[in-house]
PDB file of all heavy atoms in Angstrom:
ATOM      1  N   ASP A   1       7.130  -6.607  32.015  1.00  0.00           N
ATOM      2  CA  ASP A   1       7.609  -5.496  32.647  1.00  0.00           C
ATOM      3  C   ASP A   1       6.608  -4.472  33.284  1.00  0.00           C
ATOM      4  O   ASP A   1       6.914  -3.328  33.342  1.00  0.00           O
ATOM      5  CB  ASP A   1       8.567  -4.730  31.758  1.00  0.00           C
ATOM      6  CG  ASP A   1       9.832  -5.479  31.276  1.00  0.00           C
ATOM      7  OD1 ASP A   1      10.187  -6.371  32.051  1.00  0.00           O
ATOM      8  OD2 ASP A   1      10.359  -5.191  30.313  1.00  0.00           O
ATOM      9  N   GLY A   2       5.546  -5.151  33.776  1.00  0.00           N
ATOM     10  CA  GLY A   2       4.458  -4.293  34.260  1.00  0.00           C
ATOM     11  C   GLY A   2       3.716  -3.491  33.375  1.00  0.00           C
ATOM     12  O   GLY A   2       2.952  -2.535  33.810  1.00  0.00           O
ATOM     13  N   LEU A   3       3.817  -3.737  32.038  1.00  0.00           N
ATOM     14  CA  LEU A   3       2.996  -3.032  31.031  1.00  0.00           C
ATOM     15  C   LEU A   3       2.291  -3.912  30.141  1.00  0.00           C
ATOM     16  O   LEU A   3       2.788  -5.053  29.839  1.00  0.00           O
ATOM     17  CB  LEU A   3       3.998  -2.211  30.286  1.00  0.00           C
ATOM     18  CG  LEU A   3       4.761  -1.031  30.958  1.00  0.00           C
ATOM     19  CD1 LEU A   3       5.702  -0.369  29.945  1.00  0.00           C
ATOM     20  CD2 LEU A   3       3.796   0.014  31.427  1.00  0.00           C
ATOM     21  N   TRP A   4       1.129  -3.529  29.637  1.00  0.00           N
ATOM     22  CA  TRP A   4       0.451  -4.164  28.635  1.00  0.00           C
ATOM     23  C   TRP A   4       0.983  -3.742  27.279  1.00  0.00           C
ATOM     24  O   TRP A   4       1.307  -2.639  27.091  1.00  0.00           O
ATOM     25  CB  TRP A   4      -1.136  -3.940  28.533  1.00  0.00           C
ATOM     26  CG  TRP A   4      -1.756  -4.498  29.776  1.00  0.00           C
ATOM     27  CD1 TRP A   4      -2.349  -3.836  30.889  1.00  0.00           C
ATOM     28  CD2 TRP A   4      -2.011  -5.861  30.024  1.00  0.00           C
ATOM     29  NE1 TRP A   4      -2.931  -4.644  31.733  1.00  0.00           N
ATOM     30  CE2 TRP A   4      -2.754  -5.965  31.216  1.00  0.00           C
ATOM     31  CE3 TRP A   4      -1.623  -7.106  29.385  1.00  0.00           C
ATOM     32  CZ2 TRP A   4      -3.116  -7.178  31.811  1.00  0.00           C
ATOM     33  CZ3 TRP A   4      -2.160  -8.361  29.943  1.00  0.00           C
ATOM     34  CH2 TRP A   4      -2.808  -8.384  31.145  1.00  0.00           C
ATOM     35  N   HIS A   5       1.078  -4.776  26.371  1.00  0.00           N
ATOM     36  CA  HIS A   5       1.579  -4.429  24.956  1.00  0.00           C
ATOM     37  C   HIS A   5       0.741  -5.176  23.998  1.00  0.00           C
ATOM     38  O   HIS A   5       0.226  -6.257  24.183  1.00  0.00           O
ATOM     39  CB  HIS A   5       3.031  -4.943  24.649  1.00  0.00           C
ATOM     40  CG  HIS A   5       4.051  -4.307  25.628  1.00  0.00           C
ATOM     41  ND1 HIS A   5       4.235  -4.642  26.951  1.00  0.00           N
ATOM     42  CD2 HIS A   5       4.963  -3.349  25.223  1.00  0.00           C
ATOM     43  CE1 HIS A   5       5.274  -3.839  27.383  1.00  0.00           C
ATOM     44  NE2 HIS A   5       5.698  -3.090  26.418  1.00  0.00           N
ATOM     45  N   ALA A   6       0.286  -4.394  22.981  1.00  0.00           N
ATOM     46  CA  ALA A   6      -0.389  -4.991  21.851  1.00  0.00           C
ATOM     47  C   ALA A   6       0.599  -5.413  20.779  1.00  0.00           C
ATOM     48  O   ALA A   6       1.519  -4.639  20.388  1.00  0.00           O
ATOM     49  CB  ALA A   6      -1.317  -3.907  21.186  1.00  0.00           C
ATOM     50  N   ILE A   7       0.430  -6.626  20.320  1.00  0.00           N
ATOM     51  CA  ILE A   7       1.240  -7.263  19.284  1.00  0.00           C
ATOM     52  C   ILE A   7       0.470  -7.372  18.057  1.00  0.00           C
ATOM     53  O   ILE A   7      -0.412  -8.322  17.819  1.00  0.00           O
ATOM     54  CB  ILE A   7       1.761  -8.669  19.697  1.00  0.00           C
ATOM     55  CG1 ILE A   7       2.243  -8.683  21.164  1.00  0.00           C
ATOM     56  CG2 ILE A   7       2.838  -9.226  18.746  1.00  0.00           C
ATOM     57  CD1 ILE A   7       3.481  -7.822  21.387  1.00  0.00           C
ATOM     58  N   VAL A   8       0.630  -6.452  17.170  1.00  0.00           N
ATOM     59  CA  VAL A   8      -0.211  -6.162  15.982  1.00  0.00           C
ATOM     60  C   VAL A   8       0.324  -6.885  14.777  1.00  0.00           C
ATOM     61  O   VAL A   8       1.520  -6.488  14.363  1.00  0.00           O
ATOM     62  CB  VAL A   8      -0.478  -4.700  15.719  1.00  0.00           C
ATOM     63  CG1 VAL A   8      -1.459  -4.497  14.537  1.00  0.00           C
ATOM     64  CG2 VAL A   8      -0.879  -3.966  17.024  1.00  0.00           C
ATOM     65  N   GLY A   9      -0.453  -7.739  14.181  1.00  0.00           N
ATOM     66  CA  GLY A   9       0.037  -8.376  12.884  1.00  0.00           C
ATOM     67  C   GLY A   9      -0.363  -7.496  11.725  1.00  0.00           C
ATOM     68  O   GLY A   9      -1.533  -7.056  11.613  1.00  0.00           O
ATOM     69  N   ILE A  10       0.648  -7.171  10.892  1.00  0.00           N
ATOM     70  CA  ILE A  10       0.438  -6.170   9.787  1.00  0.00           C
ATOM     71  C   ILE A  10       0.458  -7.065   8.483  1.00  0.00           C
ATOM     72  O   ILE A  10       1.318  -7.768   8.102  1.00  0.00           O
ATOM     73  CB  ILE A  10       1.556  -5.138   9.710  1.00  0.00           C
ATOM     74  CG1 ILE A  10       1.729  -4.446  10.938  1.00  0.00           C
ATOM     75  CG2 ILE A  10       1.246  -4.171   8.535  1.00  0.00           C
ATOM     76  CD1 ILE A  10       2.992  -3.637  10.997  1.00  0.00           C
ATOM     77  N   PRO A  11      -0.809  -7.039   7.635  1.00  0.00           N
ATOM     78  CA  PRO A  11      -0.896  -7.861   6.532  1.00  0.00           C
ATOM     79  C   PRO A  11       0.099  -7.393   5.454  1.00  0.00           C
ATOM     80  O   PRO A  11       0.469  -6.213   5.358  1.00  0.00           O
ATOM     81  CB  PRO A  11      -2.362  -7.625   6.119  1.00  0.00           C
ATOM     82  CG  PRO A  11      -2.791  -6.324   6.719  1.00  0.00           C
ATOM     83  CD  PRO A  11      -1.999  -6.194   7.912  1.00  0.00           C
ATOM     84  N   LEU A  12       0.459  -8.232   4.550  1.00  0.00           N
ATOM     85  CA  LEU A  12       1.351  -7.962   3.439  1.00  0.00           C
ATOM     86  C   LEU A  12       0.728  -6.915   2.534  1.00  0.00           C
ATOM     87  O   LEU A  12       1.489  -6.246   1.862  1.00  0.00           O
ATOM     88  CB  LEU A  12       1.639  -9.233   2.633  1.00  0.00           C
ATOM     89  CG  LEU A  12       2.834 -10.109   3.179  1.00  0.00           C
ATOM     90  CD1 LEU A  12       2.772 -11.466   2.395  1.00  0.00           C
ATOM     91  CD2 LEU A  12       4.104  -9.472   2.995  1.00  0.00           C
ATOM     92  N   SER A  13      -0.621  -6.855   2.549  1.00  0.00           N
ATOM     93  CA  SER A  13      -1.275  -5.809   1.662  1.00  0.00           C
ATOM     94  C   SER A  13      -1.258  -4.409   2.243  1.00  0.00           C
ATOM     95  O   SER A  13      -1.685  -3.498   1.563  1.00  0.00           O
ATOM     96  CB  SER A  13      -2.798  -6.255   1.405  1.00  0.00           C
ATOM     97  OG  SER A  13      -3.413  -6.490   2.723  1.00  0.00           O
ATOM     98  N   ALA A  14      -0.802  -4.228   3.420  1.00  0.00           N
ATOM     99  CA  ALA A  14      -0.816  -2.909   4.078  1.00  0.00           C
ATOM    100  C   ALA A  14      -0.006  -1.970   3.362  1.00  0.00           C
ATOM    101  O   ALA A  14       1.178  -2.244   2.893  1.00  0.00           O
ATOM    102  CB  ALA A  14      -0.347  -2.998   5.568  1.00  0.00           C
ATOM    103  N   GLU A  15      -0.511  -0.649   3.187  1.00  0.00           N
ATOM    104  CA  GLU A  15       0.219   0.389   2.577  1.00  0.00           C
ATOM    105  C   GLU A  15       1.149   1.035   3.624  1.00  0.00           C
ATOM    106  O   GLU A  15       0.720   1.200   4.753  1.00  0.00           O
ATOM    107  CB  GLU A  15      -0.729   1.445   1.972  1.00  0.00           C
ATOM    108  CG  GLU A  15      -1.570   0.918   0.796  1.00  0.00           C
ATOM    109  CD  GLU A  15      -0.736   0.535  -0.529  1.00  0.00           C
ATOM    110  OE1 GLU A  15       0.375   1.210  -0.558  1.00  0.00           O
ATOM    111  OE2 GLU A  15      -1.073  -0.342  -1.262  1.00  0.00           O
ATOM    112  N   PRO A  16       2.340   1.443   3.237  1.00  0.00           N
ATOM    113  CA  PRO A  16       3.229   2.205   4.121  1.00  0.00           C
ATOM    114  C   PRO A  16       2.606   3.529   4.603  1.00  0.00           C
ATOM    115  O   PRO A  16       1.795   4.055   3.887  1.00  0.00           O
ATOM    116  CB  PRO A  16       4.465   2.497   3.347  1.00  0.00           C
ATOM    117  CG  PRO A  16       4.471   1.441   2.273  1.00  0.00           C
ATOM    118  CD  PRO A  16       3.021   1.220   1.908  1.00  0.00           C
ATOM    119  N   GLY A  17       2.698   3.822   5.913  1.00  0.00           N
ATOM    120  CA  GLY A  17       2.189   5.074   6.351  1.00  0.00           C
ATOM    121  C   GLY A  17       1.534   4.765   7.734  1.00  0.00           C
ATOM    122  O   GLY A  17       1.794   3.763   8.361  1.00  0.00           O
ATOM    123  N   ASP A  18       0.798   5.739   8.253  1.00  0.00           N
ATOM    124  CA  ASP A  18       0.223   5.594   9.559  1.00  0.00           C
ATOM    125  C   ASP A  18      -0.883   4.656   9.624  1.00  0.00           C
ATOM    126  O   ASP A  18      -1.847   4.666   8.710  1.00  0.00           O
ATOM    127  CB  ASP A  18      -0.307   7.005  10.109  1.00  0.00           C
ATOM    128  CG  ASP A  18       0.862   7.901  10.377  1.00  0.00           C
ATOM    129  OD1 ASP A  18       1.984   7.416  10.564  1.00  0.00           O
ATOM    130  OD2 ASP A  18       0.639   9.145  10.535  1.00  0.00           O
ATOM    131  N   GLN A  19      -0.952   3.706  10.587  1.00  0.00           N
ATOM    132  CA  GLN A  19      -2.002   2.847  10.860  1.00  0.00           C
ATOM    133  C   GLN A  19      -2.445   3.081  12.263  1.00  0.00           C
ATOM    134  O   GLN A  19      -1.737   3.708  13.175  1.00  0.00           O
ATOM    135  CB  GLN A  19      -1.586   1.415  10.681  1.00  0.00           C
ATOM    136  CG  GLN A  19      -1.085   1.139   9.269  1.00  0.00           C
ATOM    137  CD  GLN A  19      -2.211   0.728   8.281  1.00  0.00           C
ATOM    138  OE1 GLN A  19      -3.320   0.445   8.706  1.00  0.00           O
ATOM    139  NE2 GLN A  19      -2.043   1.027   6.948  1.00  0.00           N
ATOM    140  N   ALA A  20      -3.601   2.602  12.736  1.00  0.00           N
ATOM    141  CA  ALA A  20      -4.119   2.764  14.088  1.00  0.00           C
ATOM    142  C   ALA A  20      -4.739   1.619  14.584  1.00  0.00           C
ATOM    143  O   ALA A  20      -5.286   0.734  13.886  1.00  0.00           O
ATOM    144  CB  ALA A  20      -5.052   3.964  14.027  1.00  0.00           C
ATOM    145  N   VAL A  21      -4.720   1.489  15.900  1.00  0.00           N
ATOM    146  CA  VAL A  21      -5.501   0.452  16.744  1.00  0.00           C
ATOM    147  C   VAL A  21      -6.324   1.169  17.695  1.00  0.00           C
ATOM    148  O   VAL A  21      -6.035   2.254  18.128  1.00  0.00           O
ATOM    149  CB  VAL A  21      -4.594  -0.482  17.391  1.00  0.00           C
ATOM    150  CG1 VAL A  21      -3.737  -1.395  16.473  1.00  0.00           C
ATOM    151  CG2 VAL A  21      -3.634   0.153  18.390  1.00  0.00           C
ATOM    152  N   ALA A  22      -7.522   0.579  17.957  1.00  0.00           N
ATOM    153  CA  ALA A  22      -8.458   1.118  18.975  1.00  0.00           C
ATOM    154  C   ALA A  22      -8.393   0.247  20.207  1.00  0.00           C
ATOM    155  O   ALA A  22      -8.239  -0.931  20.148  1.00  0.00           O
ATOM    156  CB  ALA A  22      -9.850   1.024  18.389  1.00  0.00           C
ATOM    157  N   VAL A  23      -8.375   0.977  21.392  1.00  0.00           N
ATOM    158  CA  VAL A  23      -8.149   0.300  22.618  1.00  0.00           C
ATOM    159  C   VAL A  23      -9.192   0.633  23.647  1.00  0.00           C
ATOM    160  O   VAL A  23      -9.692   1.736  23.623  1.00  0.00           O
ATOM    161  CB  VAL A  23      -6.776   0.766  23.320  1.00  0.00           C
ATOM    162  CG1 VAL A  23      -6.500  -0.062  24.603  1.00  0.00           C
ATOM    163  CG2 VAL A  23      -5.582   0.436  22.352  1.00  0.00           C
ATOM    164  N   ARG A  24      -9.774  -0.430  24.275  1.00  0.00           N
ATOM    165  CA  ARG A  24     -10.743  -0.223  25.342  1.00  0.00           C
ATOM    166  C   ARG A  24     -10.226  -0.923  26.637  1.00  0.00           C
ATOM    167  O   ARG A  24      -9.851  -2.114  26.679  1.00  0.00           O
ATOM    168  CB  ARG A  24     -12.105  -0.916  25.016  1.00  0.00           C
ATOM    169  CG  ARG A  24     -13.190  -0.770  26.027  1.00  0.00           C
ATOM    170  CD  ARG A  24     -14.458  -1.381  25.601  1.00  0.00           C
ATOM    171  NE  ARG A  24     -14.984  -0.739  24.355  1.00  0.00           N
ATOM    172  CZ  ARG A  24     -15.966  -1.182  23.576  1.00  0.00           C
ATOM    173  NH1 ARG A  24     -16.403  -2.427  24.016  1.00  0.00           N
ATOM    174  NH2 ARG A  24     -16.338  -0.564  22.580  1.00  0.00           N
ATOM    175  N   TYR A  25     -10.111  -0.029  27.626  1.00  0.00           N
ATOM    176  CA  TYR A  25      -9.607  -0.478  28.954  1.00  0.00           C
ATOM    177  C   TYR A  25     -10.796  -1.032  29.879  1.00  0.00           C
ATOM    178  O   TYR A  25     -11.956  -0.921  29.584  1.00  0.00           O
ATOM    179  CB  TYR A  25      -8.803   0.639  29.632  1.00  0.00           C
ATOM    180  CG  TYR A  25      -7.626   1.182  28.874  1.00  0.00           C
ATOM    181  CD1 TYR A  25      -7.660   2.120  27.921  1.00  0.00           C
ATOM    182  CD2 TYR A  25      -6.387   0.506  29.164  1.00  0.00           C
ATOM    183  CE1 TYR A  25      -6.545   2.420  27.196  1.00  0.00           C
ATOM    184  CE2 TYR A  25      -5.220   0.926  28.516  1.00  0.00           C
ATOM    185  CZ  TYR A  25      -5.397   1.929  27.521  1.00  0.00           C
ATOM    186  OH  TYR A  25      -4.299   2.298  26.819  1.00  0.00           O
ATOM    187  N   ALA A  26     -10.264  -1.691  30.974  1.00  0.00           N
ATOM    188  CA  ALA A  26     -11.208  -2.313  31.879  1.00  0.00           C
ATOM    189  C   ALA A  26     -12.241  -1.329  32.404  1.00  0.00           C
ATOM    190  O   ALA A  26     -13.336  -1.712  32.779  1.00  0.00           O
ATOM    191  CB  ALA A  26     -10.467  -3.144  32.901  1.00  0.00           C
ATOM    192  N   ASP A  27     -11.808  -0.042  32.485  1.00  0.00           N
ATOM    193  CA  ASP A  27     -12.616   0.876  33.026  1.00  0.00           C
ATOM    194  C   ASP A  27     -13.587   1.562  32.189  1.00  0.00           C
ATOM    195  O   ASP A  27     -14.330   2.602  32.404  1.00  0.00           O
ATOM    196  CB  ASP A  27     -11.986   1.989  33.879  1.00  0.00           C
ATOM    197  CG  ASP A  27     -11.010   2.744  32.986  1.00  0.00           C
ATOM    198  OD1 ASP A  27     -11.003   2.454  31.734  1.00  0.00           O
ATOM    199  OD2 ASP A  27     -10.211   3.643  33.601  1.00  0.00           O
ATOM    200  N   ALA A  28     -13.697   0.953  30.926  1.00  0.00           N
ATOM    201  CA  ALA A  28     -14.508   1.480  29.834  1.00  0.00           C
ATOM    202  C   ALA A  28     -14.042   2.679  29.038  1.00  0.00           C
ATOM    203  O   ALA A  28     -14.597   3.121  28.110  1.00  0.00           O
ATOM    204  CB  ALA A  28     -15.982   1.629  30.252  1.00  0.00           C
ATOM    205  N   THR A  29     -12.797   3.167  29.509  1.00  0.00           N
ATOM    206  CA  THR A  29     -12.330   4.274  28.690  1.00  0.00           C
ATOM    207  C   THR A  29     -11.601   3.748  27.447  1.00  0.00           C
ATOM    208  O   THR A  29     -11.300   2.548  27.363  1.00  0.00           O
ATOM    209  CB  THR A  29     -11.156   5.034  29.555  1.00  0.00           C
ATOM    210  OG1 THR A  29     -10.087   4.097  29.941  1.00  0.00           O
ATOM    211  CG2 THR A  29     -11.684   5.633  30.811  1.00  0.00           C
ATOM    212  N   GLU A  30     -11.602   4.597  26.504  1.00  0.00           N
ATOM    213  CA  GLU A  30     -11.134   4.202  25.244  1.00  0.00           C
ATOM    214  C   GLU A  30     -10.002   5.069  24.684  1.00  0.00           C
ATOM    215  O   GLU A  30      -9.785   6.145  25.132  1.00  0.00           O
ATOM    216  CB  GLU A  30     -12.228   4.144  24.194  1.00  0.00           C
ATOM    217  CG  GLU A  30     -13.275   3.238  24.490  1.00  0.00           C
ATOM    218  CD  GLU A  30     -14.394   3.198  23.442  1.00  0.00           C
ATOM    219  OE1 GLU A  30     -14.308   3.910  22.471  1.00  0.00           O
ATOM    220  OE2 GLU A  30     -15.283   2.400  23.546  1.00  0.00           O
ATOM    221  N   ASN A  31      -9.156   4.519  23.841  1.00  0.00           N
ATOM    222  CA  ASN A  31      -8.014   5.268  23.338  1.00  0.00           C
ATOM    223  C   ASN A  31      -7.717   4.821  21.896  1.00  0.00           C
ATOM    224  O   ASN A  31      -8.307   3.852  21.420  1.00  0.00           O
ATOM    225  CB  ASN A  31      -6.737   5.064  24.150  1.00  0.00           C
ATOM    226  CG  ASN A  31      -5.792   6.173  24.107  1.00  0.00           C
ATOM    227  OD1 ASN A  31      -5.768   6.979  23.194  1.00  0.00           O
ATOM    228  ND2 ASN A  31      -4.757   6.234  24.960  1.00  0.00           N
ATOM    229  N   ARG A  32      -6.957   5.467  21.322  1.00  0.00           N
ATOM    230  CA  ARG A  32      -6.420   5.153  19.833  1.00  0.00           C
ATOM    231  C   ARG A  32      -4.979   5.375  19.758  1.00  0.00           C
ATOM    232  O   ARG A  32      -4.495   6.509  20.205  1.00  0.00           O
ATOM    233  CB  ARG A  32      -7.141   6.082  18.885  1.00  0.00           C
ATOM    234  CG  ARG A  32      -6.891   5.921  17.413  1.00  0.00           C
ATOM    235  CD  ARG A  32      -7.669   6.790  16.604  1.00  0.00           C
ATOM    236  NE  ARG A  32      -7.272   6.868  15.215  1.00  0.00           N
ATOM    237  CZ  ARG A  32      -7.792   5.989  14.212  1.00  0.00           C
ATOM    238  NH1 ARG A  32      -8.610   5.092  14.592  1.00  0.00           N
ATOM    239  NH2 ARG A  32      -7.374   6.211  13.037  1.00  0.00           N
ATOM    240  N   TYR A  33      -4.255   4.335  19.333  1.00  0.00           N
ATOM    241  CA  TYR A  33      -2.786   4.501  19.162  1.00  0.00           C
ATOM    242  C   TYR A  33      -2.498   4.364  17.697  1.00  0.00           C
ATOM    243  O   TYR A  33      -2.957   3.487  16.973  1.00  0.00           O
ATOM    244  CB  TYR A  33      -2.059   3.428  20.064  1.00  0.00           C
ATOM    245  CG  TYR A  33      -2.224   3.484  21.438  1.00  0.00           C
ATOM    246  CD1 TYR A  33      -3.247   3.115  22.023  1.00  0.00           C
ATOM    247  CD2 TYR A  33      -1.164   3.980  22.240  1.00  0.00           C
ATOM    248  CE1 TYR A  33      -3.428   3.186  23.450  1.00  0.00           C
ATOM    249  CE2 TYR A  33      -1.124   4.062  23.528  1.00  0.00           C
ATOM    250  CZ  TYR A  33      -2.452   3.736  24.260  1.00  0.00           C
ATOM    251  OH  TYR A  33      -2.533   3.785  25.591  1.00  0.00           O
ATOM    252  N   THR A  34      -1.607   5.225  17.131  1.00  0.00           N
ATOM    253  CA  THR A  34      -1.127   5.014  15.878  1.00  0.00           C
ATOM    254  C   THR A  34       0.317   4.620  15.783  1.00  0.00           C
ATOM    255  O   THR A  34       1.089   4.756  16.788  1.00  0.00           O
ATOM    256  CB  THR A  34      -1.239   6.382  15.091  1.00  0.00           C
ATOM    257  OG1 THR A  34      -0.405   7.426  15.567  1.00  0.00           O
ATOM    258  CG2 THR A  34      -2.697   6.971  15.095  1.00  0.00           C
ATOM    259  N   PHE A  35       0.614   3.931  14.664  1.00  0.00           N
ATOM    260  CA  PHE A  35       2.014   3.526  14.408  1.00  0.00           C
ATOM    261  C   PHE A  35       2.249   3.665  13.041  1.00  0.00           C
ATOM    262  O   PHE A  35       1.368   3.600  12.185  1.00  0.00           O
ATOM    263  CB  PHE A  35       2.199   2.048  14.944  1.00  0.00           C
ATOM    264  CG  PHE A  35       1.347   1.065  14.251  1.00  0.00           C
ATOM    265  CD1 PHE A  35       1.826   0.340  13.129  1.00  0.00           C
ATOM    266  CD2 PHE A  35       0.078   0.838  14.726  1.00  0.00           C
ATOM    267  CE1 PHE A  35       0.967  -0.677  12.523  1.00  0.00           C
ATOM    268  CE2 PHE A  35      -0.785  -0.080  14.064  1.00  0.00           C
ATOM    269  CZ  PHE A  35      -0.310  -0.818  13.047  1.00  0.00           C
TER     270      PHE A  35
END
């Protein structure tokens, strides 16, 4: 649908609560998304 999506596998050992992924775009900018 014209958007990039990260499909993040969450291990069984993960604790409930906020987790984060680090993102680097093609123009070298970076971001951080939490879920």
